[in-house]
Amino acid sequence: MALIYKICPAPLWREAERRGAFDGSPVDIADGFIHFSTAGQVAETAAKHFAGQHDLVLVAVDAEALGAALKWEPSRGGALFPHLYEALDVRLAIKAVPLPLDADDKHIFPAL
């Protein structure tokens, strides 16, 4: 199983769990797809796009379960990132865990 990860504000994820689907964050909606990261990319994603942000969750999803709606596309730096071109059925989340900050305001990741 190849897991991919979504960093999400906890209130948005709780709302998605209530509704049964995650449509994406405002940035995802503006871009037309839900941004995911691999295990090797997610810490850099957190540092670049979520620096110092509290009340986040890290959602893990089996990439294969997403089917053809998941596309691997190059970023500005050329690395391939997973992008989901439909709403995420929250039942496909393997886990959603808090992503706390340490004393230096850097995110503390669980073992991936």
C-alpha atoms as a PDB file:
ATOM      1  CA  MET A   1       0.000   0.000   0.000  1.00  0.00           C
ATOM      2  CA  ALA A   2       1.463   3.371  -1.049  1.00  0.00           C
ATOM      3  CA  LEU A   3       0.200   6.067   1.282  1.00  0.00           C
ATOM      4  CA  ILE A   4      -0.120   9.700   0.297  1.00  0.00           C
ATOM      5  CA  TYR A   5      -0.819  12.533   2.720  1.00  0.00           C
ATOM      6  CA  LYS A   6      -3.015  15.600   2.949  1.00  0.00           C
ATOM      7  CA  ILE A   7      -2.337  18.325   5.498  1.00  0.00           C
ATOM      8  CA  CYS A   8      -5.654  19.849   6.419  1.00  0.00           C
ATOM      9  CA  PRO A   9      -7.017  22.338   8.939  1.00  0.00           C
ATOM     10  CA  ALA A  10      -8.754  20.234  11.582  1.00  0.00           C
ATOM     11  CA  PRO A  11     -12.089  22.113  11.320  1.00  0.00           C
ATOM     12  CA  LEU A  12     -12.242  21.416   7.551  1.00  0.00           C
ATOM     13  CA  TRP A  13     -11.524  17.731   8.127  1.00  0.00           C
ATOM     14  CA  ARG A  14     -14.166  17.467  10.873  1.00  0.00           C
ATOM     15  CA  GLU A  15     -16.695  19.041   8.503  1.00  0.00           C
ATOM     16  CA  ALA A  16     -15.668  16.586   5.777  1.00  0.00           C
ATOM     17  CA  GLU A  17     -16.154  13.663   8.176  1.00  0.00           C
ATOM     18  CA  ARG A  18     -19.626  14.970   8.989  1.00  0.00           C
ATOM     19  CA  ARG A  19     -20.504  15.281   5.281  1.00  0.00           C
ATOM     20  CA  GLY A  20     -18.693  12.132   4.140  1.00  0.00           C
ATOM     21  CA  ALA A  21     -16.508  13.916   1.582  1.00  0.00           C
ATOM     22  CA  PHE A  22     -13.596  16.338   1.544  1.00  0.00           C
ATOM     23  CA  ASP A  23     -13.858  18.814  -1.330  1.00  0.00           C
ATOM     24  CA  GLY A  24     -10.501  20.388  -0.537  1.00  0.00           C
ATOM     25  CA  SER A  25      -9.145  23.458   1.150  1.00  0.00           C
ATOM     26  CA  PRO A  26      -9.664  26.885  -0.444  1.00  0.00           C
ATOM     27  CA  VAL A  27      -6.317  26.492  -2.276  1.00  0.00           C
ATOM     28  CA  ASP A  28      -7.336  23.059  -3.564  1.00  0.00           C
ATOM     29  CA  ILE A  29     -10.671  24.353  -4.778  1.00  0.00           C
ATOM     30  CA  ALA A  30      -8.989  27.301  -6.532  1.00  0.00           C
ATOM     31  CA  ASP A  31      -6.481  24.955  -8.221  1.00  0.00           C
ATOM     32  CA  GLY A  32      -9.156  22.444  -9.276  1.00  0.00           C
ATOM     33  CA  PHE A  33      -7.676  19.446  -7.443  1.00  0.00           C
ATOM     34  CA  ILE A  34      -6.769  18.273  -3.950  1.00  0.00           C
ATOM     35  CA  HIS A  35      -3.043  18.543  -3.257  1.00  0.00           C
ATOM     36  CA  PHE A  36      -1.400  15.497  -1.669  1.00  0.00           C
ATOM     37  CA  SER A  37       2.225  14.705  -0.818  1.00  0.00           C
ATOM     38  CA  THR A  38       4.225  11.515  -0.516  1.00  0.00           C
ATOM     39  CA  ALA A  39       5.919  10.547   2.746  1.00  0.00           C
ATOM     40  CA  GLY A  40       9.140  12.034   1.407  1.00  0.00           C
ATOM     41  CA  GLN A  41       7.462  15.326   0.439  1.00  0.00           C
ATOM     42  CA  VAL A  42       5.050  16.025   3.283  1.00  0.00           C
ATOM     43  CA  ALA A  43       7.484  17.633   5.773  1.00  0.00           C
ATOM     44  CA  GLU A  44       8.635  20.101   3.113  1.00  0.00           C
ATOM     45  CA  THR A  45       5.003  20.775   2.179  1.00  0.00           C
ATOM     46  CA  ALA A  46       4.241  21.551   5.829  1.00  0.00           C
ATOM     47  CA  ALA A  47       7.228  23.877   6.150  1.00  0.00           C
ATOM     48  CA  LYS A  48       6.482  25.685   2.885  1.00  0.00           C
ATOM     49  CA  HIS A  49       2.691  26.003   2.981  1.00  0.00           C
ATOM     50  CA  PHE A  50       1.660  25.495   6.631  1.00  0.00           C
ATOM     51  CA  ALA A  51       4.535  27.046   8.614  1.00  0.00           C
ATOM     52  CA  GLY A  52       3.507  27.821  12.185  1.00  0.00           C
ATOM     53  CA  GLN A  53      -0.140  26.835  11.629  1.00  0.00           C
ATOM     54  CA  HIS A  54      -1.921  25.220  14.546  1.00  0.00           C
ATOM     55  CA  ASP A  55      -4.871  22.817  14.559  1.00  0.00           C
ATOM     56  CA  LEU A  56      -3.891  20.757  11.529  1.00  0.00           C
ATOM     57  CA  VAL A  57      -4.415  17.070  10.822  1.00  0.00           C
ATOM     58  CA  LEU A  58      -2.386  14.743   8.665  1.00  0.00           C
ATOM     59  CA  VAL A  59      -4.666  12.512   6.600  1.00  0.00           C
ATOM     60  CA  ALA A  60      -3.221   9.311   5.118  1.00  0.00           C
ATOM     61  CA  VAL A  61      -4.846   7.712   2.069  1.00  0.00           C
ATOM     62  CA  ASP A  62      -3.952   4.646   0.006  1.00  0.00           C
ATOM     63  CA  ALA A  63      -3.062   6.126  -3.385  1.00  0.00           C
ATOM     64  CA  GLU A  64      -4.304   3.040  -5.254  1.00  0.00           C
ATOM     65  CA  ALA A  65      -7.772   3.378  -3.721  1.00  0.00           C
ATOM     66  CA  LEU A  66      -8.225   6.723  -5.505  1.00  0.00           C
ATOM     67  CA  GLY A  67      -8.132   5.209  -8.973  1.00  0.00           C
ATOM     68  CA  ALA A  68      -7.924   7.232 -12.164  1.00  0.00           C
ATOM     69  CA  ALA A  69      -8.888  10.505 -10.439  1.00  0.00           C
ATOM     70  CA  LEU A  70      -5.382  10.615  -8.928  1.00  0.00           C
ATOM     71  CA  LYS A  71      -2.791  12.143 -11.241  1.00  0.00           C
ATOM     72  CA  TRP A  72       0.953  12.435 -10.605  1.00  0.00           C
ATOM     73  CA  GLU A  73       2.013  15.846 -11.877  1.00  0.00           C
ATOM     74  CA  PRO A  74       5.272  17.806 -11.773  1.00  0.00           C
ATOM     75  CA  SER A  75       5.688  20.722  -9.405  1.00  0.00           C
ATOM     76  CA  ARG A  76       7.603  23.869 -10.299  1.00  0.00           C
ATOM     77  CA  GLY A  77      10.777  22.056  -9.202  1.00  0.00           C
ATOM     78  CA  GLY A  78       9.977  19.018 -11.338  1.00  0.00           C
ATOM     79  CA  ALA A  79       9.100  16.553  -8.549  1.00  0.00           C
ATOM     80  CA  LEU A  80       5.923  14.541  -9.112  1.00  0.00           C
ATOM     81  CA  PHE A  81       3.118  15.258  -6.646  1.00  0.00           C
ATOM     82  CA  PRO A  82      -0.196  13.402  -6.324  1.00  0.00           C
ATOM     83  CA  HIS A  83      -3.271  15.475  -7.207  1.00  0.00           C
ATOM     84  CA  LEU A  84      -6.831  14.226  -6.762  1.00  0.00           C
ATOM     85  CA  TYR A  85      -9.338  15.490  -9.328  1.00  0.00           C
ATOM     86  CA  GLU A  86     -12.499  14.691  -7.354  1.00  0.00           C
ATOM     87  CA  ALA A  87     -13.753  14.961  -3.798  1.00  0.00           C
ATOM     88  CA  LEU A  88     -12.135  12.573  -1.338  1.00  0.00           C
ATOM     89  CA  ASP A  89     -14.506  10.035   0.185  1.00  0.00           C
ATOM     90  CA  VAL A  90     -13.495  10.254   3.866  1.00  0.00           C
ATOM     91  CA  ARG A  91     -13.983   6.497   4.241  1.00  0.00           C
ATOM     92  CA  LEU A  92     -10.791   6.126   2.178  1.00  0.00           C
ATOM     93  CA  ALA A  93      -8.727   7.836   4.890  1.00  0.00           C
ATOM     94  CA  ILE A  94      -6.537   5.230   6.587  1.00  0.00           C
ATOM     95  CA  LYS A  95      -5.951   7.629   9.460  1.00  0.00           C
ATOM     96  CA  ALA A  96      -6.193  11.299  10.347  1.00  0.00           C
ATOM     97  CA  VAL A  97      -3.878  12.359  13.150  1.00  0.00           C
ATOM     98  CA  PRO A  98      -3.090  15.725  14.753  1.00  0.00           C
ATOM     99  CA  LEU A  99      -0.055  17.552  13.396  1.00  0.00           C
ATOM    100  CA  PRO A 100       1.159  19.526  16.424  1.00  0.00           C
ATOM    101  CA  LEU A 101       3.920  22.118  16.602  1.00  0.00           C
ATOM    102  CA  ASP A 102       7.082  21.879  18.674  1.00  0.00           C
ATOM    103  CA  ALA A 103       8.595  24.736  20.714  1.00  0.00           C
ATOM    104  CA  ASP A 104      10.158  26.126  17.510  1.00  0.00           C
ATOM    105  CA  ASP A 105       6.793  26.121  15.664  1.00  0.00           C
ATOM    106  CA  LYS A 106       7.835  23.214  13.432  1.00  0.00           C
ATOM    107  CA  HIS A 107       5.352  20.410  12.840  1.00  0.00           C
ATOM    108  CA  ILE A 108       5.879  17.110  14.640  1.00  0.00           C
ATOM    109  CA  PHE A 109       5.213  14.211  12.272  1.00  0.00           C
ATOM    110  CA  PRO A 110       4.284  10.685  13.296  1.00  0.00           C
ATOM    111  CA  ALA A 111       6.219   7.787  11.800  1.00  0.00           C
ATOM    112  CA  LEU A 112       5.156   7.600   8.150  1.00  0.00           C
END
